PDB file of N, CA and C in Angstrom:
ATOM      1  N   MET A   1       3.804 101.128 -48.155  1.00  0.00           N
ATOM      2  CA  MET A   1       3.268 100.088 -47.313  1.00  0.00           C
ATOM      3  C   MET A   1       1.624 100.406 -47.333  1.00  0.00           C
ATOM      4  N   HIS A   2       0.901  99.522 -47.766  1.00  0.00           N
ATOM      5  CA  HIS A   2      -0.747  99.748 -47.832  1.00  0.00           C
ATOM      6  C   HIS A   2      -1.221  99.251 -46.534  1.00  0.00           C
ATOM      7  N   GLU A   3      -2.359 100.131 -46.135  1.00  0.00           N
ATOM      8  CA  GLU A   3      -2.986  99.778 -44.832  1.00  0.00           C
ATOM      9  C   GLU A   3      -4.326  99.158 -45.303  1.00  0.00           C
ATOM     10  N   PRO A   4      -4.907  98.002 -44.530  1.00  0.00           N
ATOM     11  CA  PRO A   4      -6.033  97.466 -45.027  1.00  0.00           C
ATOM     12  C   PRO A   4      -7.237  98.516 -44.618  1.00  0.00           C
ATOM     13  N   LEU A   5      -8.291  98.506 -45.360  1.00  0.00           N
ATOM     14  CA  LEU A   5      -9.323  99.504 -45.329  1.00  0.00           C
ATOM     15  C   LEU A   5      -9.971  99.481 -43.929  1.00  0.00           C
ATOM     16  N   PRO A   6     -10.291  98.283 -43.382  1.00  0.00           N
ATOM     17  CA  PRO A   6     -10.838  98.440 -41.825  1.00  0.00           C
ATOM     18  C   PRO A   6     -10.170  99.180 -40.870  1.00  0.00           C
ATOM     19  N   GLU A   7      -8.682  98.798 -40.997  1.00  0.00           N
ATOM     20  CA  GLU A   7      -7.722  99.439 -39.950  1.00  0.00           C
ATOM     21  C   GLU A   7      -7.630 101.039 -40.264  1.00  0.00           C
ATOM     22  N   ALA A   8      -7.683 101.318 -41.584  1.00  0.00           N
ATOM     23  CA  ALA A   8      -7.658 102.721 -41.931  1.00  0.00           C
ATOM     24  C   ALA A   8      -8.812 103.553 -41.457  1.00  0.00           C
ATOM     25  N   ILE A   9     -10.114 102.977 -41.579  1.00  0.00           N
ATOM     26  CA  ILE A   9     -11.281 103.630 -41.131  1.00  0.00           C
ATOM     27  C   ILE A   9     -11.164 103.720 -39.652  1.00  0.00           C
ATOM     28  N   ALA A  10     -10.887 102.578 -38.928  1.00  0.00           N
ATOM     29  CA  ALA A  10     -10.724 102.618 -37.563  1.00  0.00           C
ATOM     30  C   ALA A  10      -9.769 103.904 -37.060  1.00  0.00           C
ATOM     31  N   ARG A  11      -8.743 103.798 -37.559  1.00  0.00           N
ATOM     32  CA  ARG A  11      -7.787 104.944 -37.255  1.00  0.00           C
ATOM     33  C   ARG A  11      -8.482 106.363 -37.431  1.00  0.00           C
ATOM     34  N   HIS A  12      -9.036 106.590 -38.636  1.00  0.00           N
ATOM     35  CA  HIS A  12      -9.683 107.632 -38.866  1.00  0.00           C
ATOM     36  C   HIS A  12     -10.863 108.025 -37.993  1.00  0.00           C
ATOM     37  N   ARG A  13     -11.515 107.099 -37.520  1.00  0.00           N
ATOM     38  CA  ARG A  13     -12.607 107.325 -36.525  1.00  0.00           C
ATOM     39  C   ARG A  13     -12.047 107.702 -35.326  1.00  0.00           C
ATOM     40  N   ARG A  14     -11.035 107.107 -34.880  1.00  0.00           N
ATOM     41  CA  ARG A  14     -10.415 107.611 -33.600  1.00  0.00           C
ATOM     42  C   ARG A  14      -9.977 108.926 -33.718  1.00  0.00           C
ATOM     43  N   SER A  15      -9.503 109.359 -34.665  1.00  0.00           N
ATOM     44  CA  SER A  15      -9.065 110.794 -34.878  1.00  0.00           C
ATOM     45  C   SER A  15     -10.044 111.894 -35.129  1.00  0.00           C
ATOM     46  N   PHE A  16     -11.112 111.448 -36.142  1.00  0.00           N
ATOM     47  CA  PHE A  16     -11.982 112.491 -36.514  1.00  0.00           C
ATOM     48  C   PHE A  16     -13.480 112.221 -36.287  1.00  0.00           C
ATOM     49  N   GLY A  17     -13.879 110.852 -35.710  1.00  0.00           N
ATOM     50  CA  GLY A  17     -15.166 110.669 -35.646  1.00  0.00           C
ATOM     51  C   GLY A  17     -15.753 109.694 -36.720  1.00  0.00           C
ATOM     52  N   ASP A  18     -17.062 109.683 -36.847  1.00  0.00           N
ATOM     53  CA  ASP A  18     -17.653 108.567 -37.746  1.00  0.00           C
ATOM     54  C   ASP A  18     -17.966 109.266 -39.161  1.00  0.00           C
ATOM     55  N   GLY A  19     -17.395 110.293 -39.590  1.00  0.00           N
ATOM     56  CA  GLY A  19     -17.781 110.988 -40.887  1.00  0.00           C
ATOM     57  C   GLY A  19     -16.945 110.459 -41.824  1.00  0.00           C
ATOM     58  N   VAL A  20     -16.649 109.236 -42.080  1.00  0.00           N
ATOM     59  CA  VAL A  20     -15.939 108.710 -43.307  1.00  0.00           C
ATOM     60  C   VAL A  20     -16.703 108.543 -44.452  1.00  0.00           C
ATOM     61  N   PHE A  21     -16.471 109.076 -45.630  1.00  0.00           N
ATOM     62  CA  PHE A  21     -17.330 108.921 -46.869  1.00  0.00           C
ATOM     63  C   PHE A  21     -16.261 109.084 -48.043  1.00  0.00           C
ATOM     64  N   ALA A  22     -16.789 108.912 -49.254  1.00  0.00           N
ATOM     65  CA  ALA A  22     -16.002 109.225 -50.486  1.00  0.00           C
ATOM     66  C   ALA A  22     -17.114 109.751 -51.442  1.00  0.00           C
ATOM     67  N   LEU A  23     -16.935 110.732 -52.195  1.00  0.00           N
ATOM     68  CA  LEU A  23     -17.774 111.156 -53.446  1.00  0.00           C
ATOM     69  C   LEU A  23     -16.880 110.909 -54.553  1.00  0.00           C
ATOM     70  N   ILE A  24     -17.443 110.123 -55.532  1.00  0.00           N
ATOM     71  CA  ILE A  24     -16.535 109.822 -56.565  1.00  0.00           C
ATOM     72  C   ILE A  24     -17.441 110.453 -57.858  1.00  0.00           C
ATOM     73  N   VAL A  25     -16.712 111.415 -58.526  1.00  0.00           N
ATOM     74  CA  VAL A  25     -17.399 112.091 -59.536  1.00  0.00           C
ATOM     75  C   VAL A  25     -16.716 111.519 -60.939  1.00  0.00           C
ATOM     76  N   MET A  26     -17.846 111.266 -61.721  1.00  0.00           N
ATOM     77  CA  MET A  26     -17.648 110.765 -63.048  1.00  0.00           C
ATOM     78  C   MET A  26     -17.433 111.951 -64.108  1.00  0.00           C
ATOM     79  N   PRO A  27     -16.985 111.664 -65.337  1.00  0.00           N
ATOM     80  CA  PRO A  27     -16.744 112.836 -66.227  1.00  0.00           C
ATOM     81  C   PRO A  27     -17.987 113.476 -66.731  1.00  0.00           C
ATOM     82  N   ASP A  28     -19.238 112.797 -66.572  1.00  0.00           N
ATOM     83  CA  ASP A  28     -20.469 113.370 -66.938  1.00  0.00           C
ATOM     84  C   ASP A  28     -21.168 114.125 -65.864  1.00  0.00           C
ATOM     85  N   GLY A  29     -20.526 114.295 -64.620  1.00  0.00           N
ATOM     86  CA  GLY A  29     -21.004 114.955 -63.464  1.00  0.00           C
ATOM     87  C   GLY A  29     -21.823 114.012 -62.387  1.00  0.00           C
ATOM     88  N   SER A  30     -22.261 112.775 -63.044  1.00  0.00           N
ATOM     89  CA  SER A  30     -22.798 111.936 -62.086  1.00  0.00           C
ATOM     90  C   SER A  30     -21.727 111.311 -61.163  1.00  0.00           C
ATOM     91  N   GLY A  31     -22.188 110.412 -60.190  1.00  0.00           N
ATOM     92  CA  GLY A  31     -21.123 109.811 -59.373  1.00  0.00           C
ATOM     93  C   GLY A  31     -21.621 108.815 -58.487  1.00  0.00           C
ATOM     94  N   PHE A  32     -20.889 108.647 -57.345  1.00  0.00           N
ATOM     95  CA  PHE A  32     -21.128 107.728 -56.262  1.00  0.00           C
ATOM     96  C   PHE A  32     -20.889 108.209 -54.970  1.00  0.00           C
ATOM     97  N   HIS A  33     -21.775 108.108 -54.016  1.00  0.00           N
ATOM     98  CA  HIS A  33     -21.525 108.434 -52.626  1.00  0.00           C
ATOM     99  C   HIS A  33     -21.214 107.040 -51.888  1.00  0.00           C
ATOM    100  N   CYS A  34     -20.066 106.957 -51.575  1.00  0.00           N
ATOM    101  CA  CYS A  34     -19.476 105.650 -50.780  1.00  0.00           C
ATOM    102  C   CYS A  34     -19.359 105.801 -49.294  1.00  0.00           C
ATOM    103  N   VAL A  35     -19.771 104.967 -48.426  1.00  0.00           N
ATOM    104  CA  VAL A  35     -19.649 104.868 -47.058  1.00  0.00           C
ATOM    105  C   VAL A  35     -19.232 103.408 -46.655  1.00  0.00           C
ATOM    106  N   PRO A  36     -18.427 103.306 -45.580  1.00  0.00           N
ATOM    107  CA  PRO A  36     -18.007 102.006 -45.195  1.00  0.00           C
ATOM    108  C   PRO A  36     -19.024 101.126 -44.679  1.00  0.00           C
ATOM    109  N   ASN A  37     -18.819  99.887 -44.890  1.00  0.00           N
ATOM    110  CA  ASN A  37     -19.896  98.857 -44.384  1.00  0.00           C
ATOM    111  C   ASN A  37     -19.101  97.665 -43.916  1.00  0.00           C
ATOM    112  N   GLY A  38     -18.594  97.622 -42.688  1.00  0.00           N
ATOM    113  CA  GLY A  38     -17.627  96.661 -42.315  1.00  0.00           C
ATOM    114  C   GLY A  38     -16.332  96.716 -43.027  1.00  0.00           C
ATOM    115  N   GLU A  39     -15.998  95.644 -43.641  1.00  0.00           N
ATOM    116  CA  GLU A  39     -14.694  95.715 -44.393  1.00  0.00           C
ATOM    117  C   GLU A  39     -14.951  95.984 -46.033  1.00  0.00           C
ATOM    118  N   ALA A  40     -16.241  96.430 -46.421  1.00  0.00           N
ATOM    119  CA  ALA A  40     -16.501  96.665 -47.538  1.00  0.00           C
ATOM    120  C   ALA A  40     -17.040  98.183 -47.687  1.00  0.00           C
ATOM    121  N   MET A  41     -17.476  98.696 -49.005  1.00  0.00           N
ATOM    122  CA  MET A  41     -18.074  99.871 -49.092  1.00  0.00           C
ATOM    123  C   MET A  41     -19.324  99.867 -49.783  1.00  0.00           C
ATOM    124  N   ASP A  42     -20.303 100.603 -49.279  1.00  0.00           N
ATOM    125  CA  ASP A  42     -21.660 100.646 -49.927  1.00  0.00           C
ATOM    126  C   ASP A  42     -21.542 101.960 -50.776  1.00  0.00           C
ATOM    127  N   ALA A  43     -22.144 101.876 -51.971  1.00  0.00           N
ATOM    128  CA  ALA A  43     -21.925 102.981 -52.929  1.00  0.00           C
ATOM    129  C   ALA A  43     -23.503 103.375 -53.362  1.00  0.00           C
ATOM    130  N   GLU A  44     -23.836 104.574 -53.385  1.00  0.00           N
ATOM    131  CA  GLU A  44     -25.110 104.825 -53.997  1.00  0.00           C
ATOM    132  C   GLU A  44     -24.791 105.739 -55.155  1.00  0.00           C
ATOM    133  N   ARG A  45     -25.448 105.328 -56.259  1.00  0.00           N
ATOM    134  CA  ARG A  45     -25.315 106.129 -57.468  1.00  0.00           C
ATOM    135  C   ARG A  45     -26.058 107.311 -57.314  1.00  0.00           C
ATOM    136  N   LEU A  46     -25.538 108.499 -57.839  1.00  0.00           N
ATOM    137  CA  LEU A  46     -25.999 109.888 -57.699  1.00  0.00           C
ATOM    138  C   LEU A  46     -26.006 110.307 -59.320  1.00  0.00           C
ATOM    139  N   THR A  47     -27.253 111.071 -59.569  1.00  0.00           N
ATOM    140  CA  THR A  47     -27.338 111.848 -60.944  1.00  0.00           C
ATOM    141  C   THR A  47     -26.510 113.105 -60.717  1.00  0.00           C
ATOM    142  N   ARG A  48     -26.293 113.791 -61.779  1.00  0.00           N
ATOM    143  CA  ARG A  48     -25.635 114.954 -61.794  1.00  0.00           C
ATOM    144  C   ARG A  48     -26.075 116.003 -60.923  1.00  0.00           C
ATOM    145  N   ASP A  49     -27.406 116.208 -60.742  1.00  0.00           N
ATOM    146  CA  ASP A  49     -27.964 117.172 -59.882  1.00  0.00           C
ATOM    147  C   ASP A  49     -27.885 116.617 -58.368  1.00  0.00           C
ATOM    148  N   GLU A  50     -27.902 115.314 -58.212  1.00  0.00           N
ATOM    149  CA  GLU A  50     -27.763 114.864 -56.872  1.00  0.00           C
ATOM    150  C   GLU A  50     -26.314 114.980 -56.434  1.00  0.00           C
ATOM    151  N   MET A  51     -25.284 114.781 -57.314  1.00  0.00           N
ATOM    152  CA  MET A  51     -23.819 114.877 -57.144  1.00  0.00           C
ATOM    153  C   MET A  51     -23.604 116.390 -56.759  1.00  0.00           C
ATOM    154  N   ALA A  52     -24.034 117.490 -57.460  1.00  0.00           N
ATOM    155  CA  ALA A  52     -23.778 118.752 -57.160  1.00  0.00           C
ATOM    156  C   ALA A  52     -24.386 119.137 -55.767  1.00  0.00           C
ATOM    157  N   ALA A  53     -25.435 118.643 -55.414  1.00  0.00           N
ATOM    158  CA  ALA A  53     -26.115 118.995 -54.023  1.00  0.00           C
ATOM    159  C   ALA A  53     -25.232 118.270 -53.062  1.00  0.00           C
ATOM    160  N   ALA A  54     -24.737 117.074 -53.129  1.00  0.00           N
ATOM    161  CA  ALA A  54     -23.977 116.444 -52.203  1.00  0.00           C
ATOM    162  C   ALA A  54     -22.612 117.084 -52.091  1.00  0.00           C
ATOM    163  N   LEU A  55     -22.064 117.429 -53.109  1.00  0.00           N
ATOM    164  CA  LEU A  55     -20.770 118.265 -53.083  1.00  0.00           C
ATOM    165  C   LEU A  55     -20.846 119.543 -52.199  1.00  0.00           C
ATOM    166  N   VAL A  56     -21.958 120.331 -52.511  1.00  0.00           N
ATOM    167  CA  VAL A  56     -22.267 121.604 -51.823  1.00  0.00           C
ATOM    168  C   VAL A  56     -22.493 121.236 -50.314  1.00  0.00           C
ATOM    169  N   GLU A  57     -23.306 120.060 -50.022  1.00  0.00           N
ATOM    170  CA  GLU A  57     -23.544 119.867 -48.576  1.00  0.00           C
ATOM    171  C   GLU A  57     -22.439 119.498 -47.999  1.00  0.00           C
ATOM    172  N   LYS A  58     -21.533 118.615 -48.553  1.00  0.00           N
ATOM    173  CA  LYS A  58     -20.433 118.158 -47.779  1.00  0.00           C
ATOM    174  C   LYS A  58     -19.261 119.218 -47.684  1.00  0.00           C
ATOM    175  N   ILE A  59     -19.160 120.072 -48.603  1.00  0.00           N
ATOM    176  CA  ILE A  59     -18.002 121.043 -48.489  1.00  0.00           C
ATOM    177  C   ILE A  59     -18.560 122.315 -47.645  1.00  0.00           C
ATOM    178  N   TYR A  60     -19.828 122.828 -47.881  1.00  0.00           N
ATOM    179  CA  TYR A  60     -20.256 124.019 -47.205  1.00  0.00           C
ATOM    180  C   TYR A  60     -21.302 123.732 -46.178  1.00  0.00           C
ATOM    181  N   GLY A  61     -21.803 122.454 -46.031  1.00  0.00           N
ATOM    182  CA  GLY A  61     -22.914 122.331 -44.972  1.00  0.00           C
ATOM    183  C   GLY A  61     -24.349 122.687 -45.617  1.00  0.00           C
ATOM    184  N   LEU A  62     -25.262 122.256 -44.763  1.00  0.00           N
ATOM    185  CA  LEU A  62     -26.678 122.474 -45.119  1.00  0.00           C
ATOM    186  C   LEU A  62     -27.008 124.039 -45.184  1.00  0.00           C
ATOM    187  N   ALA A  63     -26.223 124.783 -44.605  1.00  0.00           N
ATOM    188  CA  ALA A  63     -26.480 126.268 -44.647  1.00  0.00           C
ATOM    189  C   ALA A  63     -26.372 126.819 -46.043  1.00  0.00           C
ATOM    190  N   ALA A  64     -25.616 126.191 -46.983  1.00  0.00           N
ATOM    191  CA  ALA A  64     -25.559 126.591 -48.157  1.00  0.00           C
ATOM    192  C   ALA A  64     -26.967 126.696 -49.101  1.00  0.00           C
ATOM    193  N   PHE A  65     -27.794 125.637 -48.558  1.00  0.00           N
ATOM    194  CA  PHE A  65     -28.912 125.582 -49.219  1.00  0.00           C
ATOM    195  C   PHE A  65     -30.130 126.654 -48.771  1.00  0.00           C
ATOM    196  N   ARG A  66     -29.816 127.285 -47.754  1.00  0.00           N
ATOM    197  CA  ARG A  66     -30.792 128.300 -47.229  1.00  0.00           C
ATOM    198  C   ARG A  66     -30.872 129.496 -48.190  1.00  0.00           C
ATOM    199  N   GLY A  67     -31.978 130.046 -48.408  1.00  0.00           N
ATOM    200  CA  GLY A  67     -32.119 131.320 -49.241  1.00  0.00           C
ATOM    201  C   GLY A  67     -31.845 132.465 -48.456  1.00  0.00           C
ATOM    202  N   ASN A  68     -31.838 133.662 -49.112  1.00  0.00           N
ATOM    203  CA  ASN A  68     -31.374 134.810 -48.432  1.00  0.00           C
ATOM    204  C   ASN A  68     -32.728 135.287 -47.643  1.00  0.00           C
TER     205      ASN A  68
END
């Protein structure tokens, strides 16, 4: 059984807050950062370097960018 996107996002927000997003990585290392916009998704195209930074930020947080 498939759940419509708006209902899935609403259920997720009730459980985890507003942090819904998707990072889609292409074979060349570039990709897309997708966030919900009502019943649709907005996507921002990311270069390879931007995708690497987004992955590190989402997985490890901004603290990963701090130097020693």
